[in-house]
Protein backbone atom coordinates (compact mmCIF):
# COMPACT_ATOMS: atom_id res chain seq x y z
CA MET A 1 164.40 114.30 55.17
CA SER A 2 162.58 113.11 58.14
CA LYS A 3 162.29 109.52 57.07
CA ASN A 4 164.82 107.27 58.89
CA LYS A 5 165.55 110.06 61.37
CA SER A 6 164.95 109.72 65.14
CA ALA A 7 163.92 112.35 67.73
CA ILE A 8 163.68 112.89 71.37
CA VAL A 9 160.93 115.11 72.62
CA THR A 10 160.88 115.90 76.30
CA GLY A 11 157.55 116.52 78.02
CA SER A 12 155.71 114.91 75.14
CA THR A 13 152.98 112.83 76.84
CA SER A 14 150.61 115.84 76.51
CA GLY A 15 150.27 119.29 75.09
CA ILE A 16 152.78 120.92 72.66
CA GLY A 17 155.23 118.15 73.17
CA LEU A 18 152.71 115.51 72.18
CA GLY A 19 151.73 117.73 69.21
CA MET A 20 155.39 117.84 68.03
CA ALA A 21 155.88 114.08 68.62
CA GLU A 22 152.85 113.36 66.48
CA ALA A 23 154.02 115.64 63.72
CA PHE A 24 157.43 114.03 63.62
CA ALA A 25 155.89 110.46 63.56
CA LYS A 26 153.59 111.64 60.74
CA SER A 27 156.61 112.81 58.81
CA GLY A 28 158.27 109.49 59.09
CA MET A 29 160.53 110.00 62.17
CA ASN A 30 160.99 107.49 65.03
CA VAL A 31 160.28 109.28 68.39
CA MET A 32 161.18 108.73 71.98
CA LEU A 33 158.42 110.08 74.19
CA ASN A 34 159.10 111.42 77.67
CA GLY A 35 156.97 112.71 80.37
CA PHE A 36 154.78 111.95 83.31
CA GLY A 37 151.33 110.44 83.33
CA SER A 38 149.43 107.08 83.73
CA PRO A 39 151.49 104.17 82.39
CA ASP A 40 148.43 102.85 80.60
CA GLU A 41 147.67 106.26 78.92
CA ILE A 42 151.22 106.68 77.91
CA GLU A 43 151.34 103.12 76.42
CA ALA A 44 148.11 104.00 74.54
CA ILE A 45 149.65 107.08 73.03
CA ARG A 46 152.85 105.19 72.18
CA ARG A 47 150.87 102.38 70.49
CA ARG A 48 148.61 104.76 68.73
CA LEU A 49 151.49 106.71 67.03
CA ALA A 50 153.43 103.65 66.09
CA ASP A 51 150.36 101.89 64.53
CA GLN A 52 149.06 105.08 62.86
CA TYR A 53 152.34 106.19 61.26
CA GLY A 54 154.30 103.03 60.93
CA VAL A 55 157.32 104.27 62.86
CA LYS A 56 159.12 103.20 66.06
CA ILE A 57 157.80 105.01 69.06
CA GLY A 58 159.57 104.48 72.44
CA TYR A 59 159.03 105.90 75.91
CA HIS A 60 161.47 106.82 78.62
CA GLY A 61 160.40 108.26 81.93
CA ALA A 62 163.42 110.38 82.69
CA ASP A 63 162.98 113.08 85.31
CA MET A 64 164.03 116.38 83.80
CA THR A 65 165.42 117.50 87.11
CA LYS A 66 168.01 114.79 87.22
CA PRO A 67 170.90 115.13 84.76
CA GLU A 68 171.92 111.41 85.05
CA GLU A 69 168.35 110.42 83.97
CA ILE A 70 168.62 112.82 80.97
CA GLY A 71 171.81 111.09 80.02
CA ALA A 72 170.03 107.69 80.25
CA LEU A 73 167.17 108.98 78.04
CA VAL A 74 169.61 109.86 75.34
CA LYS A 75 171.45 106.44 75.70
CA ALA A 76 168.09 104.60 75.52
CA ALA A 77 167.14 106.39 72.33
CA GLU A 78 170.49 105.70 70.69
CA GLU A 79 170.12 102.01 71.56
CA GLN A 80 166.56 101.63 70.36
CA PHE A 81 166.81 103.75 67.15
CA GLY A 82 170.51 103.71 66.38
CA ALA A 83 170.85 107.58 66.73
CA VAL A 84 169.34 110.73 68.15
CA ASP A 85 169.09 113.10 65.04
CA VAL A 86 166.68 115.58 66.58
CA ALA A 87 166.62 116.78 70.24
CA VAL A 88 163.63 118.79 71.35
CA SER A 89 163.63 120.31 74.82
CA ASN A 90 159.94 121.02 75.56
CA ALA A 91 159.48 119.91 79.15
CA GLY A 92 158.24 122.76 81.29
CA ILE A 93 156.40 123.79 84.49
CA GLN A 94 154.91 127.07 85.62
CA PHE A 95 154.22 128.92 88.90
CA VAL A 96 152.74 132.35 89.15
CA ALA A 97 153.41 134.70 92.19
CA PRO A 98 154.82 138.14 92.81
CA VAL A 99 158.61 138.08 93.11
CA GLU A 100 158.66 138.74 96.87
CA GLU A 101 156.30 135.82 97.42
CA PHE A 102 157.88 133.45 94.92
CA PRO A 103 158.95 130.33 96.76
CA ALA A 104 162.63 129.52 96.35
CA ASP A 105 161.95 125.89 95.68
CA LYS A 106 159.54 126.71 92.86
CA TRP A 107 162.30 129.06 91.30
CA ASP A 108 164.78 126.19 91.48
CA ALA A 109 162.36 123.61 89.97
CA ILE A 110 161.43 125.92 87.05
CA ILE A 111 165.05 126.74 86.23
CA ALA A 112 165.98 122.98 86.42
CA ILE A 113 163.16 121.70 84.30
CA ASN A 114 162.70 124.69 81.79
CA LEU A 115 166.33 125.56 81.28
CA SER A 116 168.94 123.19 82.64
CA SER A 117 167.38 120.09 81.26
CA ALA A 118 167.78 121.45 77.83
CA PHE A 119 171.55 121.92 78.45
CA HIS A 120 171.83 118.34 79.63
CA LEU A 121 169.81 116.95 76.62
CA ILE A 122 171.98 118.80 74.18
CA ARG A 123 175.31 117.99 75.77
CA HIS A 124 174.49 114.23 75.61
CA ALA A 125 172.93 114.37 72.06
CA LEU A 126 175.61 116.50 70.45
CA PRO A 127 178.54 113.96 70.18
CA GLY A 128 176.42 111.63 68.03
CA MET A 129 175.16 114.44 65.88
CA LYS A 130 178.71 115.71 65.30
CA ALA A 131 179.96 112.17 64.50
CA ARG A 132 177.25 111.91 61.77
CA GLY A 133 177.60 115.51 60.52
CA TRP A 134 173.81 116.13 60.88
CA GLY A 135 171.52 117.25 63.69
CA ARG A 136 168.64 119.43 64.71
CA ILE A 137 168.25 120.99 68.16
CA ILE A 138 164.98 122.60 68.92
CA ASN A 139 164.23 124.42 72.15
CA LEU A 140 160.75 125.48 73.11
CA ALA A 141 161.35 128.99 74.43
CA SER A 142 157.92 130.60 74.46
CA ALA A 143 156.97 134.18 73.63
CA HIS A 144 158.13 134.75 77.19
CA GLY A 145 161.67 134.14 75.93
CA LEU A 146 161.26 137.47 73.97
CA VAL A 147 159.14 139.56 76.33
CA ALA A 148 158.13 139.38 79.95
CA SER A 149 154.89 139.27 81.99
CA PRO A 150 154.34 140.03 85.59
CA PHE A 151 154.27 137.23 88.26
CA LYS A 152 156.26 134.83 86.11
CA SER A 153 159.80 135.72 87.14
CA ALA A 154 161.26 132.18 87.02
CA TYR A 155 159.56 131.13 83.79
CA VAL A 156 160.51 134.37 82.04
CA ALA A 157 164.15 134.02 83.09
CA ALA A 158 164.30 130.37 82.17
CA LYS A 159 162.89 131.02 78.69
CA HIS A 160 165.15 134.00 78.07
CA GLY A 161 167.97 131.78 79.04
CA MET A 162 166.82 129.05 76.62
CA ILE A 163 167.31 131.56 73.79
CA GLY A 164 170.78 132.43 74.95
CA LEU A 165 171.57 128.75 75.12
CA THR A 166 170.20 128.12 71.69
CA LYS A 167 172.34 130.91 70.19
CA SER A 168 175.57 129.70 71.82
CA VAL A 169 174.91 126.08 70.61
CA ALA A 170 174.13 127.27 67.12
CA LEU A 171 177.40 129.09 66.91
CA GLU A 172 179.38 126.17 68.28
CA THR A 173 177.76 123.64 65.72
CA ALA A 174 177.41 125.90 62.72
CA GLU A 175 180.13 124.05 60.82
CA HIS A 176 178.97 120.48 61.72
CA GLY A 177 175.69 120.17 59.80
CA ILE A 178 173.75 120.86 62.95
CA THR A 179 171.20 123.62 63.56
CA ALA A 180 169.87 125.03 66.89
CA ASN A 181 166.71 127.10 67.00
CA ALA A 182 164.20 128.21 69.55
CA ILE A 183 160.37 128.04 68.90
CA CYS A 184 158.57 130.84 70.78
CA PRO A 185 154.97 130.12 70.95
CA GLY A 186 152.23 132.33 72.24
CA TYR A 187 149.46 130.95 74.33
CA VAL A 188 148.34 127.49 73.48
CA LEU A 189 145.42 125.98 75.47
CA THR A 190 147.38 123.25 77.02
CA PRO A 191 146.96 121.72 80.62
CA LEU A 192 149.93 124.05 81.72
CA VAL A 193 148.09 127.17 80.49
CA GLU A 194 144.75 125.97 81.97
CA LYS A 195 146.49 125.41 85.38
CA GLN A 196 147.70 129.05 85.29
CA ILE A 197 144.22 130.59 85.01
CA PRO A 198 143.13 130.36 88.63
CA ASP A 199 146.57 131.55 89.91
CA GLN A 200 146.48 134.55 87.56
CA ALA A 201 143.02 135.33 88.61
CA LYS A 202 144.08 135.33 92.29
CA ALA A 203 147.33 137.34 91.59
CA ARG A 204 145.46 139.94 89.64
CA GLY A 205 142.22 140.04 91.65
CA ILE A 206 140.03 139.38 88.59
CA SER A 207 137.81 136.50 87.37
CA GLU A 208 139.08 133.36 85.55
CA GLU A 209 137.09 134.39 82.44
CA ALA A 210 138.63 137.89 82.49
CA VAL A 211 142.17 136.22 82.64
CA LYS A 212 141.45 134.19 79.56
CA ARG A 213 139.83 137.05 77.61
CA ASP A 214 141.89 140.12 78.73
CA VAL A 215 145.22 138.63 80.01
CA ILE A 216 145.88 135.61 77.88
CA LEU A 217 144.18 136.34 74.60
CA GLY A 218 144.48 140.04 75.22
CA VAL A 219 148.26 139.85 74.24
CA GLN A 220 147.60 137.97 71.02
CA PRO A 221 146.27 140.23 68.20
CA THR A 222 144.63 137.32 66.36
CA LYS A 223 142.56 136.61 69.54
CA GLN A 224 143.15 132.92 68.79
CA PHE A 225 145.10 130.38 70.66
CA VAL A 226 148.13 128.93 68.86
CA THR A 227 147.59 125.10 68.12
CA THR A 228 149.92 122.28 68.80
CA GLU A 229 149.58 121.29 65.21
CA GLN A 230 150.88 124.70 63.95
CA ILE A 231 153.97 124.30 66.31
CA GLY A 232 154.45 120.72 65.16
CA ALA A 233 154.55 121.79 61.57
CA LEU A 234 157.18 124.49 62.28
CA ALA A 235 159.21 121.79 64.02
CA VAL A 236 159.03 119.45 61.14
CA PHE A 237 160.08 122.27 58.73
CA LEU A 238 163.18 123.02 60.93
CA CYS A 239 164.26 119.49 60.53
CA GLY A 240 164.21 119.59 56.65
CA ASP A 241 167.03 120.46 54.32
CA GLU A 242 165.12 123.68 53.40
CA ALA A 243 165.90 124.97 56.86
CA ALA A 244 169.58 124.17 56.88
CA SER A 245 170.52 127.89 57.00
CA ILE A 246 168.13 128.68 59.82
CA THR A 247 170.23 128.41 62.98
CA GLY A 248 170.45 130.53 66.18
CA ALA A 249 166.98 131.90 65.55
CA ALA A 250 164.10 132.63 68.09
CA LEU A 251 161.05 132.00 65.85
CA PRO A 252 157.75 133.54 67.21
CA ILE A 253 154.52 131.61 66.56
CA ASP A 254 152.39 133.86 68.71
CA GLY A 255 149.54 135.45 66.85
CA GLY A 256 151.35 138.74 66.67
CA TRP A 257 152.02 139.12 70.42
CA THR A 258 155.71 140.08 70.07
CA ALA A 259 155.09 142.30 67.09
CA GLN A 260 153.49 144.86 69.43
């Protein structure tokens, strides 16, 4: 079902987003990349995916804090590919601090990028999906959409909100051939997670190695990081006809974290 379909994946120049973009391309989908980074590095990623998988790969540098740029991203994908069949909201940032020390500007930025950007992507992509009677909305909500951790108030709030948004959209689109689901990964060793380690160490008064061993992998019973390939495979499955009755779901892929 993926062949001849086209997807947008926000925050896809590295980490989980890039893993999903590659999985989509491998399945035969055209993909519009989005994210920050060196223009040369982004072009190398775009060209590699296009050449390796024989699909169309575009790039748009929309800033996820700016609704008008998100609209331009959807329009650019529709013009380049003819349609946006799959909309994946993956872009995210993190900041770690106790609530009373949490900077207001960091709260606003996390809510804007981790939650509001998903709303704007969905609202722009839905009209075309409804017109064609088919669509897949996938929101990256994190295990922190299901459970909380200390010192991550904005991130946890945004990810819980992402699941609520997903459920509402699923109900609104249930009769239009469109599904909306949230993928809830546990810890993946991405640049975002790696950047958290020193901040977590400072907030908790422990070493960085102890953060990785006791805080990060300590919550995952498998004691293994989730991989971007595993998340990409789940995203591809959700785009298939076999997943047509899965909608409004928050799907953990977290090594057993939220089973505890």
